[in-house]
Amino acid sequence: MAKKHENNDNLIAQNKKARHDYFVTDTYEAGLVLTGTEIKSVRAHRVNLKDGFAQIRNGEAWLMNVHISEYDNGTFFNQDPLRNRKLLLHKKEIHKLTGALQDKGVTLIPLKMYIKHGYAKVLLGLAKGKHEYDKRESIKRREVNREMERVMKHY
């Protein structure tokens, strides 16, 4: 039986700026607790992960500041677009994250949101902020690689 290749058809949103602003050391996949109208908005790709982050409170993981727009055809069941949403992680993962988040400058950010087997999932990254000179170095390295690819393409 052939391996099923993961396609990006079920990718809902991606935080492209995250890898530019942070060094991502580890990633975790977490489920999301959403209401009916929220999952409909997620399936309509009406999500913004740009300013989002995750926290551990009282042994539970919470996704903060992620904007899921109100569902257009919803009624009074629509939720606040910026409400805090519970993340579903194993207890061992939560304990490991709690220990890792104690370090100075380490944060938990959402990298991607996607649908997997009918459920909304978030890829969380354990990240440490980059300095300005690190960002310039990354840009320079990326431009050099592009130039090398361009030269190699002609030969």
C-alpha atoms as a PDB file:
ATOM      1  CA  MET A   1       0.000   0.000   0.000  1.00  0.00           C
ATOM      2  CA  ALA A   2       1.397   3.387  -1.002  1.00  0.00           C
ATOM      3  CA  LYS A   3       2.055   6.075   1.560  1.00  0.00           C
ATOM      4  CA  LYS A   4      -0.428   8.875   1.520  1.00  0.00           C
ATOM      5  CA  HIS A   5       1.291  12.179   0.864  1.00  0.00           C
ATOM      6  CA  GLU A   6       0.150  15.064   3.018  1.00  0.00           C
ATOM      7  CA  ASN A   7      -1.402  17.727   0.821  1.00  0.00           C
ATOM      8  CA  ASN A   8      -2.033  21.328   1.716  1.00  0.00           C
ATOM      9  CA  ASP A   9      -5.730  21.211   0.763  1.00  0.00           C
ATOM     10  CA  ASN A  10      -6.651  21.027   4.447  1.00  0.00           C
ATOM     11  CA  LEU A  11      -4.309  23.861   5.499  1.00  0.00           C
ATOM     12  CA  ILE A  12      -6.507  26.619   6.919  1.00  0.00           C
ATOM     13  CA  ALA A  13      -4.045  29.288   8.054  1.00  0.00           C
ATOM     14  CA  GLN A  14      -0.314  29.678   8.422  1.00  0.00           C
ATOM     15  CA  ASN A  15       1.727  32.087  10.527  1.00  0.00           C
ATOM     16  CA  LYS A  16       4.439  32.934   8.003  1.00  0.00           C
ATOM     17  CA  LYS A  17       5.974  35.659  10.156  1.00  0.00           C
ATOM     18  CA  ALA A  18       6.576  33.252  13.061  1.00  0.00           C
ATOM     19  CA  ARG A  19       9.698  31.601  11.663  1.00  0.00           C
ATOM     20  CA  HIS A  20      11.051  35.039  10.739  1.00  0.00           C
ATOM     21  CA  ASP A  21      10.574  36.454  14.236  1.00  0.00           C
ATOM     22  CA  TYR A  22      11.385  33.348  16.313  1.00  0.00           C
ATOM     23  CA  PHE A  23      13.726  30.374  16.518  1.00  0.00           C
ATOM     24  CA  VAL A  24      11.295  27.430  16.667  1.00  0.00           C
ATOM     25  CA  THR A  25      12.889  24.605  18.624  1.00  0.00           C
ATOM     26  CA  ASP A  26      10.043  22.107  19.011  1.00  0.00           C
ATOM     27  CA  THR A  27       6.536  21.623  17.632  1.00  0.00           C
ATOM     28  CA  TYR A  28       3.379  20.098  19.101  1.00  0.00           C
ATOM     29  CA  GLU A  29       0.065  19.219  17.473  1.00  0.00           C
ATOM     30  CA  ALA A  30      -2.975  20.215  19.525  1.00  0.00           C
ATOM     31  CA  GLY A  31      -6.695  19.911  18.986  1.00  0.00           C
ATOM     32  CA  LEU A  32      -9.002  22.902  19.382  1.00  0.00           C
ATOM     33  CA  VAL A  33     -12.263  23.148  21.304  1.00  0.00           C
ATOM     34  CA  LEU A  34     -14.567  25.102  18.969  1.00  0.00           C
ATOM     35  CA  THR A  35     -18.281  25.817  18.794  1.00  0.00           C
ATOM     36  CA  GLY A  36     -20.432  24.966  15.780  1.00  0.00           C
ATOM     37  CA  THR A  37     -20.254  28.355  14.108  1.00  0.00           C
ATOM     38  CA  GLU A  38     -16.512  28.644  14.773  1.00  0.00           C
ATOM     39  CA  ILE A  39     -15.692  25.407  12.958  1.00  0.00           C
ATOM     40  CA  LYS A  40     -17.755  26.626  10.007  1.00  0.00           C
ATOM     41  CA  SER A  41     -15.673  29.805   9.891  1.00  0.00           C
ATOM     42  CA  VAL A  42     -12.487  27.746  10.161  1.00  0.00           C
ATOM     43  CA  ARG A  43     -13.562  25.579   7.223  1.00  0.00           C
ATOM     44  CA  ALA A  44     -14.188  28.826   5.289  1.00  0.00           C
ATOM     45  CA  HIS A  45     -10.530  29.838   5.962  1.00  0.00           C
ATOM     46  CA  ARG A  46     -11.516  32.891   8.032  1.00  0.00           C
ATOM     47  CA  VAL A  47      -8.695  32.592  10.593  1.00  0.00           C
ATOM     48  CA  ASN A  48      -5.788  34.874  11.496  1.00  0.00           C
ATOM     49  CA  LEU A  49      -2.910  33.434  13.566  1.00  0.00           C
ATOM     50  CA  LYS A  50      -0.669  36.501  13.313  1.00  0.00           C
ATOM     51  CA  ASP A  51      -0.727  37.768  16.913  1.00  0.00           C
ATOM     52  CA  GLY A  52      -1.675  34.494  18.584  1.00  0.00           C
ATOM     53  CA  PHE A  53       0.070  32.718  21.424  1.00  0.00           C
ATOM     54  CA  ALA A  54      -0.644  29.886  23.846  1.00  0.00           C
ATOM     55  CA  GLN A  55      -0.443  29.726  27.631  1.00  0.00           C
ATOM     56  CA  ILE A  56      -0.641  27.015  30.265  1.00  0.00           C
ATOM     57  CA  ARG A  57      -3.073  27.885  33.078  1.00  0.00           C
ATOM     58  CA  ASN A  58      -4.125  25.524  35.865  1.00  0.00           C
ATOM     59  CA  GLY A  59      -2.827  22.495  33.981  1.00  0.00           C
ATOM     60  CA  GLU A  60      -4.736  23.385  30.784  1.00  0.00           C
ATOM     61  CA  ALA A  61      -3.457  24.866  27.534  1.00  0.00           C
ATOM     62  CA  TRP A  62      -5.241  27.922  26.104  1.00  0.00           C
ATOM     63  CA  LEU A  63      -4.926  29.592  22.707  1.00  0.00           C
ATOM     64  CA  MET A  64      -5.071  33.373  23.038  1.00  0.00           C
ATOM     65  CA  ASN A  65      -5.525  36.243  20.611  1.00  0.00           C
ATOM     66  CA  VAL A  66      -6.287  34.117  17.526  1.00  0.00           C
ATOM     67  CA  HIS A  67      -8.971  35.739  15.396  1.00  0.00           C
ATOM     68  CA  ILE A  68     -11.672  33.417  14.008  1.00  0.00           C
ATOM     69  CA  SER A  69     -14.209  35.606  12.218  1.00  0.00           C
ATOM     70  CA  GLU A  70     -17.905  35.320  12.982  1.00  0.00           C
ATOM     71  CA  TYR A  71     -19.809  32.953  10.727  1.00  0.00           C
ATOM     72  CA  ASP A  72     -21.764  34.924   8.118  1.00  0.00           C
ATOM     73  CA  ASN A  73     -24.920  32.815   8.335  1.00  0.00           C
ATOM     74  CA  GLY A  74     -24.777  32.472  12.121  1.00  0.00           C
ATOM     75  CA  THR A  75     -27.290  33.915  14.535  1.00  0.00           C
ATOM     76  CA  PHE A  76     -26.927  34.605  18.241  1.00  0.00           C
ATOM     77  CA  PHE A  77     -24.775  31.452  18.471  1.00  0.00           C
ATOM     78  CA  ASN A  78     -21.759  33.346  17.077  1.00  0.00           C
ATOM     79  CA  GLN A  79     -18.865  33.684  19.518  1.00  0.00           C
ATOM     80  CA  ASP A  80     -16.463  36.552  20.157  1.00  0.00           C
ATOM     81  CA  PRO A  81     -13.774  36.363  17.413  1.00  0.00           C
ATOM     82  CA  LEU A  82     -10.879  36.843  19.874  1.00  0.00           C
ATOM     83  CA  ARG A  83     -12.079  34.609  22.700  1.00  0.00           C
ATOM     84  CA  ASN A  84      -9.657  32.230  24.437  1.00  0.00           C
ATOM     85  CA  ARG A  85      -9.935  28.675  23.125  1.00  0.00           C
ATOM     86  CA  LYS A  86      -8.934  25.528  24.958  1.00  0.00           C
ATOM     87  CA  LEU A  87      -6.232  23.353  23.412  1.00  0.00           C
ATOM     88  CA  LEU A  88      -6.329  19.582  23.667  1.00  0.00           C
ATOM     89  CA  LEU A  89      -2.933  18.152  24.608  1.00  0.00           C
ATOM     90  CA  HIS A  90      -1.808  15.091  26.536  1.00  0.00           C
ATOM     91  CA  LYS A  91      -1.001  15.678  30.195  1.00  0.00           C
ATOM     92  CA  LYS A  92       2.644  14.677  29.625  1.00  0.00           C
ATOM     93  CA  GLU A  93       2.946  17.271  26.855  1.00  0.00           C
ATOM     94  CA  ILE A  94       1.438  19.954  29.088  1.00  0.00           C
ATOM     95  CA  HIS A  95       3.930  19.145  31.874  1.00  0.00           C
ATOM     96  CA  LYS A  96       6.816  19.231  29.395  1.00  0.00           C
ATOM     97  CA  LEU A  97       5.616  22.587  28.017  1.00  0.00           C
ATOM     98  CA  THR A  98       5.181  24.018  31.510  1.00  0.00           C
ATOM     99  CA  GLY A  99       8.823  23.257  32.272  1.00  0.00           C
ATOM    100  CA  ALA A 100      10.023  24.642  28.947  1.00  0.00           C
ATOM    101  CA  LEU A 101       8.025  27.872  29.300  1.00  0.00           C
ATOM    102  CA  GLN A 102       9.778  28.664  32.605  1.00  0.00           C
ATOM    103  CA  ASP A 103      12.886  29.733  30.658  1.00  0.00           C
ATOM    104  CA  LYS A 104      13.218  33.426  29.925  1.00  0.00           C
ATOM    105  CA  GLY A 105      12.194  34.509  26.424  1.00  0.00           C
ATOM    106  CA  VAL A 106      10.483  31.237  25.496  1.00  0.00           C
ATOM    107  CA  THR A 107       6.915  31.346  24.239  1.00  0.00           C
ATOM    108  CA  LEU A 108       4.382  29.061  22.577  1.00  0.00           C
ATOM    109  CA  ILE A 109       3.077  30.300  19.230  1.00  0.00           C
ATOM    110  CA  PRO A 110       0.665  28.843  16.653  1.00  0.00           C
ATOM    111  CA  LEU A 111       2.430  28.036  13.379  1.00  0.00           C
ATOM    112  CA  LYS A 112      -0.374  26.439  11.348  1.00  0.00           C
ATOM    113  CA  MET A 113      -4.046  25.581  11.616  1.00  0.00           C
ATOM    114  CA  TYR A 114      -5.383  22.709   9.555  1.00  0.00           C
ATOM    115  CA  ILE A 115      -8.135  20.090   9.356  1.00  0.00           C
ATOM    116  CA  LYS A 116      -7.048  16.513  10.075  1.00  0.00           C
ATOM    117  CA  HIS A 117      -9.554  13.655   9.968  1.00  0.00           C
ATOM    118  CA  GLY A 118     -12.380  16.184  10.292  1.00  0.00           C
ATOM    119  CA  TYR A 119     -10.983  17.938  13.368  1.00  0.00           C
ATOM    120  CA  ALA A 120      -9.362  21.368  13.614  1.00  0.00           C
ATOM    121  CA  LYS A 121      -5.728  21.116  14.721  1.00  0.00           C
ATOM    122  CA  VAL A 122      -3.079  23.707  15.565  1.00  0.00           C
ATOM    123  CA  LEU A 123       0.642  23.189  15.170  1.00  0.00           C
ATOM    124  CA  LEU A 124       2.253  24.947  18.134  1.00  0.00           C
ATOM    125  CA  GLY A 125       5.896  25.935  18.151  1.00  0.00           C
ATOM    126  CA  LEU A 126       8.070  26.337  21.220  1.00  0.00           C
ATOM    127  CA  ALA A 127       9.928  29.481  20.227  1.00  0.00           C
ATOM    128  CA  LYS A 128      12.548  31.928  21.390  1.00  0.00           C
ATOM    129  CA  GLY A 129      12.593  35.458  19.957  1.00  0.00           C
ATOM    130  CA  LYS A 130      15.185  36.488  17.386  1.00  0.00           C
ATOM    131  CA  HIS A 131      17.261  39.633  17.628  1.00  0.00           C
ATOM    132  CA  GLU A 132      17.322  42.091  14.730  1.00  0.00           C
ATOM    133  CA  TYR A 133      20.763  40.928  13.575  1.00  0.00           C
ATOM    134  CA  ASP A 134      19.538  37.308  13.477  1.00  0.00           C
ATOM    135  CA  LYS A 135      16.665  38.350  11.208  1.00  0.00           C
ATOM    136  CA  ARG A 136      19.045  40.163   8.840  1.00  0.00           C
ATOM    137  CA  GLU A 137      21.304  37.102   8.751  1.00  0.00           C
ATOM    138  CA  SER A 138      18.349  34.846   7.843  1.00  0.00           C
ATOM    139  CA  ILE A 139      17.317  37.177   5.018  1.00  0.00           C
ATOM    140  CA  LYS A 140      20.884  37.308   3.702  1.00  0.00           C
ATOM    141  CA  ARG A 141      21.188  33.499   3.802  1.00  0.00           C
ATOM    142  CA  ARG A 142      17.858  33.085   1.977  1.00  0.00           C
ATOM    143  CA  GLU A 143      18.911  35.539  -0.770  1.00  0.00           C
ATOM    144  CA  VAL A 144      22.259  33.762  -1.253  1.00  0.00           C
ATOM    145  CA  ASN A 145      20.461  30.415  -1.588  1.00  0.00           C
ATOM    146  CA  ARG A 146      18.052  31.896  -4.158  1.00  0.00           C
ATOM    147  CA  GLU A 147      20.949  33.295  -6.172  1.00  0.00           C
ATOM    148  CA  MET A 148      22.735  29.921  -6.101  1.00  0.00           C
ATOM    149  CA  GLU A 149      19.554  28.169  -7.267  1.00  0.00           C
ATOM    150  CA  ARG A 150      19.151  30.693 -10.083  1.00  0.00           C
ATOM    151  CA  VAL A 151      22.747  30.176 -11.269  1.00  0.00           C
ATOM    152  CA  MET A 152      22.492  26.383 -11.035  1.00  0.00           C
ATOM    153  CA  LYS A 153      19.230  26.434 -13.000  1.00  0.00           C
ATOM    154  CA  HIS A 154      20.969  27.914 -16.047  1.00  0.00           C
ATOM    155  CA  TYR A 155      23.663  25.190 -16.108  1.00  0.00           C
END
